[in-house]
Amino acid sequence: PLIEEEAIRLIEGLKQKRSVSEDNISTQFIKHIKSAIAKPLCILINKSFIERIFPPLLKKSIVLPIFKKKDRDCMDNYRPIALLPVSSKNFEKAFASDFL
């Protein structure tokens, strides 16, 4: 199981960003409160792993078109980016790593 120290390392490993997704929580804020949320995050990640269920709320994202080049009126000149909840990134990193 994931332990608190590992959860804190996961949080510390996130890129420092101010952008927010649908949940209005930034990476910067999560890093600021990492000690307070480490234990509940461990419980949620471990439960999710055991039950093999990724929380549906963490699947939601905001998709924004980012301009690439040339004519701004042509849709082919944009690429989509998805702003995912910070918590979903922690879940993904825990699942893909040696923590669990």
N, C-alpha and C. Protein backbone atom coordinates (compact mmCIF):
# COMPACT_ATOMS: atom_id res chain seq x y z
N PRO A 1 0.83 -1.22 0.00
CA PRO A 1 0.00 0.00 0.00
C PRO A 1 0.86 1.27 0.00
N LEU A 2 0.28 2.31 -0.55
CA LEU A 2 0.93 3.62 -0.56
C LEU A 2 0.94 4.16 0.86
N ILE A 3 2.07 4.72 1.31
CA ILE A 3 2.16 5.31 2.65
C ILE A 3 2.31 6.83 2.51
N GLU A 4 2.12 7.53 3.63
CA GLU A 4 2.10 8.98 3.61
C GLU A 4 3.36 9.61 3.03
N GLU A 5 4.51 9.08 3.39
CA GLU A 5 5.77 9.64 2.89
C GLU A 5 5.85 9.54 1.37
N GLU A 6 5.35 8.44 0.83
CA GLU A 6 5.35 8.26 -0.62
C GLU A 6 4.36 9.22 -1.28
N ALA A 7 3.22 9.44 -0.64
CA ALA A 7 2.23 10.38 -1.17
C ALA A 7 2.82 11.79 -1.22
N ILE A 8 3.56 12.14 -0.19
CA ILE A 8 4.20 13.46 -0.17
C ILE A 8 5.22 13.56 -1.30
N ARG A 9 5.97 12.50 -1.54
CA ARG A 9 6.94 12.51 -2.65
C ARG A 9 6.23 12.63 -4.00
N LEU A 10 5.07 11.97 -4.13
CA LEU A 10 4.29 12.11 -5.37
C LEU A 10 3.89 13.56 -5.60
N ILE A 11 3.40 14.19 -4.54
CA ILE A 11 2.96 15.59 -4.63
C ILE A 11 4.14 16.49 -4.95
N GLU A 12 5.25 16.27 -4.27
CA GLU A 12 6.44 17.10 -4.51
C GLU A 12 6.95 16.95 -5.94
N GLY A 13 6.71 15.81 -6.56
CA GLY A 13 7.16 15.57 -7.92
C GLY A 13 6.31 16.20 -9.00
N LEU A 14 5.17 16.77 -8.63
CA LEU A 14 4.31 17.42 -9.61
C LEU A 14 4.93 18.73 -10.09
N LYS A 15 4.69 19.06 -11.34
CA LYS A 15 5.17 20.33 -11.88
C LYS A 15 4.43 21.47 -11.21
N GLN A 16 5.16 22.53 -10.89
CA GLN A 16 4.59 23.70 -10.24
C GLN A 16 3.78 24.51 -11.25
N LYS A 17 2.46 24.42 -11.17
CA LYS A 17 1.59 25.14 -12.10
C LYS A 17 0.50 25.88 -11.35
N ARG A 18 0.07 26.97 -11.94
CA ARG A 18 -1.04 27.73 -11.36
C ARG A 18 -2.37 27.43 -12.03
N SER A 19 -2.31 26.75 -13.18
CA SER A 19 -3.54 26.46 -13.91
C SER A 19 -4.41 25.51 -13.09
N VAL A 20 -5.71 25.63 -13.27
CA VAL A 20 -6.65 24.79 -12.54
C VAL A 20 -7.58 24.09 -13.51
N SER A 21 -8.11 22.97 -13.07
CA SER A 21 -9.07 22.25 -13.88
C SER A 21 -10.47 22.53 -13.35
N GLU A 22 -11.37 21.63 -13.65
CA GLU A 22 -12.76 21.79 -13.25
C GLU A 22 -12.93 21.89 -11.72
N ASP A 23 -12.01 21.31 -10.96
CA ASP A 23 -12.12 21.32 -9.50
C ASP A 23 -11.58 22.61 -8.86
N ASN A 24 -11.00 23.50 -9.66
CA ASN A 24 -10.46 24.78 -9.20
C ASN A 24 -9.32 24.65 -8.18
N ILE A 25 -8.56 23.57 -8.25
CA ILE A 25 -7.44 23.35 -7.34
C ILE A 25 -6.16 23.33 -8.15
N SER A 26 -5.20 24.17 -7.77
CA SER A 26 -3.93 24.23 -8.50
C SER A 26 -2.90 23.32 -7.86
N THR A 27 -1.89 22.98 -8.63
CA THR A 27 -0.77 22.19 -8.13
C THR A 27 -0.07 22.95 -7.02
N GLN A 28 0.04 24.24 -7.19
CA GLN A 28 0.68 25.11 -6.21
C GLN A 28 -0.02 24.96 -4.84
N PHE A 29 -1.34 24.96 -4.84
CA PHE A 29 -2.11 24.82 -3.60
C PHE A 29 -1.91 23.44 -2.99
N ILE A 30 -1.96 22.40 -3.81
CA ILE A 30 -1.78 21.02 -3.33
C ILE A 30 -0.42 20.87 -2.66
N LYS A 31 0.61 21.45 -3.27
CA LYS A 31 1.95 21.37 -2.68
C LYS A 31 2.00 22.09 -1.34
N HIS A 32 1.25 23.16 -1.22
CA HIS A 32 1.22 23.93 0.03
C HIS A 32 0.59 23.15 1.18
N ILE A 33 -0.41 22.30 0.88
CA ILE A 33 -1.12 21.56 1.92
C ILE A 33 -0.78 20.06 1.93
N LYS A 34 0.33 19.69 1.32
CA LYS A 34 0.67 18.27 1.14
C LYS A 34 0.67 17.47 2.43
N SER A 35 1.16 18.03 3.52
CA SER A 35 1.20 17.29 4.78
C SER A 35 -0.20 16.99 5.30
N ALA A 36 -1.11 17.91 5.09
CA ALA A 36 -2.48 17.73 5.58
C ALA A 36 -3.28 16.73 4.75
N ILE A 37 -2.95 16.60 3.47
CA ILE A 37 -3.74 15.71 2.60
C ILE A 37 -3.08 14.36 2.32
N ALA A 38 -1.86 14.16 2.81
CA ALA A 38 -1.13 12.92 2.50
C ALA A 38 -1.89 11.68 2.97
N LYS A 39 -2.38 11.69 4.20
CA LYS A 39 -3.07 10.51 4.73
C LYS A 39 -4.38 10.22 3.98
N PRO A 40 -5.27 11.23 3.81
CA PRO A 40 -6.50 10.95 3.06
C PRO A 40 -6.21 10.53 1.61
N LEU A 41 -5.17 11.11 1.01
CA LEU A 41 -4.81 10.74 -0.36
C LEU A 41 -4.38 9.27 -0.41
N CYS A 42 -3.61 8.84 0.57
CA CYS A 42 -3.20 7.42 0.64
C CYS A 42 -4.41 6.50 0.74
N ILE A 43 -5.33 6.86 1.59
CA ILE A 43 -6.54 6.04 1.77
C ILE A 43 -7.30 5.92 0.46
N LEU A 44 -7.49 7.04 -0.22
CA LEU A 44 -8.24 7.04 -1.48
C LEU A 44 -7.52 6.26 -2.58
N ILE A 45 -6.22 6.48 -2.70
CA ILE A 45 -5.46 5.77 -3.74
C ILE A 45 -5.44 4.28 -3.47
N ASN A 46 -5.19 3.88 -2.23
CA ASN A 46 -5.16 2.46 -1.89
C ASN A 46 -6.52 1.80 -2.11
N LYS A 47 -7.58 2.48 -1.71
CA LYS A 47 -8.92 1.93 -1.91
C LYS A 47 -9.24 1.80 -3.40
N SER A 48 -8.87 2.81 -4.16
CA SER A 48 -9.10 2.78 -5.60
C SER A 48 -8.34 1.63 -6.25
N PHE A 49 -7.12 1.42 -5.81
CA PHE A 49 -6.30 0.34 -6.37
C PHE A 49 -6.89 -1.03 -6.02
N ILE A 50 -7.28 -1.21 -4.79
CA ILE A 50 -7.85 -2.49 -4.34
C ILE A 50 -9.15 -2.79 -5.08
N GLU A 51 -10.02 -1.77 -5.20
CA GLU A 51 -11.33 -1.97 -5.85
C GLU A 51 -11.25 -1.89 -7.37
N ARG A 52 -10.08 -1.51 -7.89
CA ARG A 52 -9.87 -1.39 -9.34
C ARG A 52 -10.84 -0.40 -9.98
N ILE A 53 -11.06 0.69 -9.28
CA ILE A 53 -11.96 1.74 -9.78
C ILE A 53 -11.23 3.08 -9.72
N PHE A 54 -11.17 3.76 -10.87
CA PHE A 54 -10.62 5.11 -10.91
C PHE A 54 -11.78 6.06 -10.69
N PRO A 55 -11.71 6.94 -9.68
CA PRO A 55 -12.85 7.81 -9.37
C PRO A 55 -13.33 8.62 -10.58
N PRO A 56 -14.61 8.51 -10.90
CA PRO A 56 -15.15 9.21 -12.08
C PRO A 56 -14.92 10.72 -12.08
N LEU A 57 -14.96 11.35 -10.92
CA LEU A 57 -14.75 12.80 -10.87
C LEU A 57 -13.34 13.19 -11.32
N LEU A 58 -12.40 12.28 -11.18
CA LEU A 58 -11.03 12.57 -11.58
C LEU A 58 -10.81 12.38 -13.07
N LYS A 59 -11.82 11.88 -13.76
CA LYS A 59 -11.72 11.69 -15.20
C LYS A 59 -12.15 12.94 -15.97
N LYS A 60 -12.75 13.90 -15.29
CA LYS A 60 -13.22 15.11 -15.95
C LYS A 60 -12.07 16.06 -16.20
N SER A 61 -12.12 16.73 -17.34
CA SER A 61 -11.08 17.70 -17.66
C SER A 61 -11.69 18.86 -18.44
N ILE A 62 -10.91 19.90 -18.52
CA ILE A 62 -11.26 21.05 -19.36
C ILE A 62 -10.34 20.98 -20.57
N VAL A 63 -10.92 20.96 -21.77
CA VAL A 63 -10.12 20.90 -22.99
C VAL A 63 -10.10 22.29 -23.62
N LEU A 64 -8.89 22.79 -23.86
CA LEU A 64 -8.72 24.12 -24.43
C LEU A 64 -7.97 24.02 -25.75
N PRO A 65 -8.38 24.83 -26.75
CA PRO A 65 -7.63 24.86 -28.00
C PRO A 65 -6.43 25.81 -27.85
N ILE A 66 -5.25 25.33 -28.22
CA ILE A 66 -4.05 26.16 -28.17
C ILE A 66 -3.58 26.42 -29.60
N PHE A 67 -3.40 27.70 -29.93
CA PHE A 67 -2.98 28.09 -31.27
C PHE A 67 -1.55 27.62 -31.54
N LYS A 68 -1.32 27.04 -32.74
CA LYS A 68 0.01 26.56 -33.13
C LYS A 68 0.71 27.54 -34.05
N LYS A 69 0.10 27.82 -35.21
CA LYS A 69 0.79 28.62 -36.23
C LYS A 69 -0.17 29.13 -37.29
N LYS A 70 0.29 30.02 -38.12
CA LYS A 70 -0.37 30.53 -39.32
C LYS A 70 -1.71 31.19 -39.05
N ASP A 71 -2.73 30.77 -39.79
CA ASP A 71 -4.04 31.41 -39.78
C ASP A 71 -4.87 31.01 -38.56
N ARG A 72 -5.27 32.01 -37.79
CA ARG A 72 -6.06 31.74 -36.58
C ARG A 72 -7.50 31.30 -36.90
N ASP A 73 -7.95 31.50 -38.12
CA ASP A 73 -9.31 31.11 -38.49
C ASP A 73 -9.41 29.64 -38.91
N CYS A 74 -8.28 28.98 -39.10
CA CYS A 74 -8.28 27.58 -39.52
C CYS A 74 -8.15 26.67 -38.30
N MET A 75 -9.13 25.78 -38.13
CA MET A 75 -9.14 24.89 -36.96
C MET A 75 -7.94 23.94 -36.92
N ASP A 76 -7.36 23.65 -38.08
CA ASP A 76 -6.19 22.76 -38.12
C ASP A 76 -4.96 23.37 -37.45
N ASN A 77 -5.01 24.67 -37.20
CA ASN A 77 -3.87 25.36 -36.60
C ASN A 77 -3.97 25.44 -35.07
N TYR A 78 -4.82 24.62 -34.52
CA TYR A 78 -4.97 24.56 -33.06
C TYR A 78 -4.76 23.12 -32.60
N ARG A 79 -4.26 22.97 -31.39
CA ARG A 79 -4.14 21.63 -30.80
C ARG A 79 -4.85 21.66 -29.45
N PRO A 80 -5.47 20.56 -29.09
CA PRO A 80 -6.18 20.53 -27.80
C PRO A 80 -5.23 20.20 -26.65
N ILE A 81 -5.46 20.83 -25.52
CA ILE A 81 -4.80 20.42 -24.28
C ILE A 81 -5.89 20.17 -23.25
N ALA A 82 -5.66 19.20 -22.40
CA ALA A 82 -6.64 18.87 -21.36
C ALA A 82 -6.07 19.25 -20.00
N LEU A 83 -6.83 20.04 -19.27
CA LEU A 83 -6.46 20.38 -17.90
C LEU A 83 -7.11 19.36 -16.98
N LEU A 84 -6.29 18.47 -16.43
CA LEU A 84 -6.78 17.40 -15.55
C LEU A 84 -6.69 17.82 -14.10
N PRO A 85 -7.55 17.27 -13.24
CA PRO A 85 -7.44 17.56 -11.82
C PRO A 85 -6.08 17.10 -11.28
N VAL A 86 -5.51 17.86 -10.37
CA VAL A 86 -4.21 17.52 -9.79
C VAL A 86 -4.28 16.15 -9.12
N SER A 87 -5.37 15.86 -8.46
CA SER A 87 -5.50 14.57 -7.77
C SER A 87 -5.41 13.40 -8.74
N SER A 88 -5.94 13.56 -9.94
CA SER A 88 -5.87 12.46 -10.90
C SER A 88 -4.43 12.17 -11.28
N LYS A 89 -3.61 13.20 -11.32
CA LYS A 89 -2.19 13.02 -11.64
C LYS A 89 -1.50 12.22 -10.54
N ASN A 90 -1.89 12.47 -9.29
CA ASN A 90 -1.32 11.70 -8.18
C ASN A 90 -1.73 10.23 -8.27
N PHE A 91 -2.99 9.97 -8.59
CA PHE A 91 -3.48 8.61 -8.75
C PHE A 91 -2.70 7.90 -9.86
N GLU A 92 -2.58 8.57 -11.00
CA GLU A 92 -1.89 7.97 -12.15
C GLU A 92 -0.44 7.65 -11.82
N LYS A 93 0.25 8.58 -11.17
CA LYS A 93 1.64 8.36 -10.82
C LYS A 93 1.78 7.20 -9.84
N ALA A 94 0.88 7.10 -8.88
CA ALA A 94 0.94 6.01 -7.90
C ALA A 94 0.70 4.67 -8.59
N PHE A 95 -0.27 4.61 -9.49
CA PHE A 95 -0.59 3.37 -10.18
C PHE A 95 0.55 2.94 -11.12
N ALA A 96 1.19 3.91 -11.75
CA ALA A 96 2.22 3.59 -12.73
C ALA A 96 3.60 3.37 -12.10
N SER A 97 3.72 3.63 -10.82
CA SER A 97 5.03 3.54 -10.18
C SER A 97 5.18 2.27 -9.36
N ASP A 98 6.26 2.21 -8.64
CA ASP A 98 6.53 1.07 -7.76
C ASP A 98 5.91 1.25 -6.38
N PHE A 99 5.15 2.34 -6.18
CA PHE A 99 4.59 2.59 -4.86
C PHE A 99 3.58 1.52 -4.47
N LEU A 100 2.79 1.06 -5.44
CA LEU A 100 1.74 0.08 -5.11
C LEU A 100 2.12 -1.30 -5.58
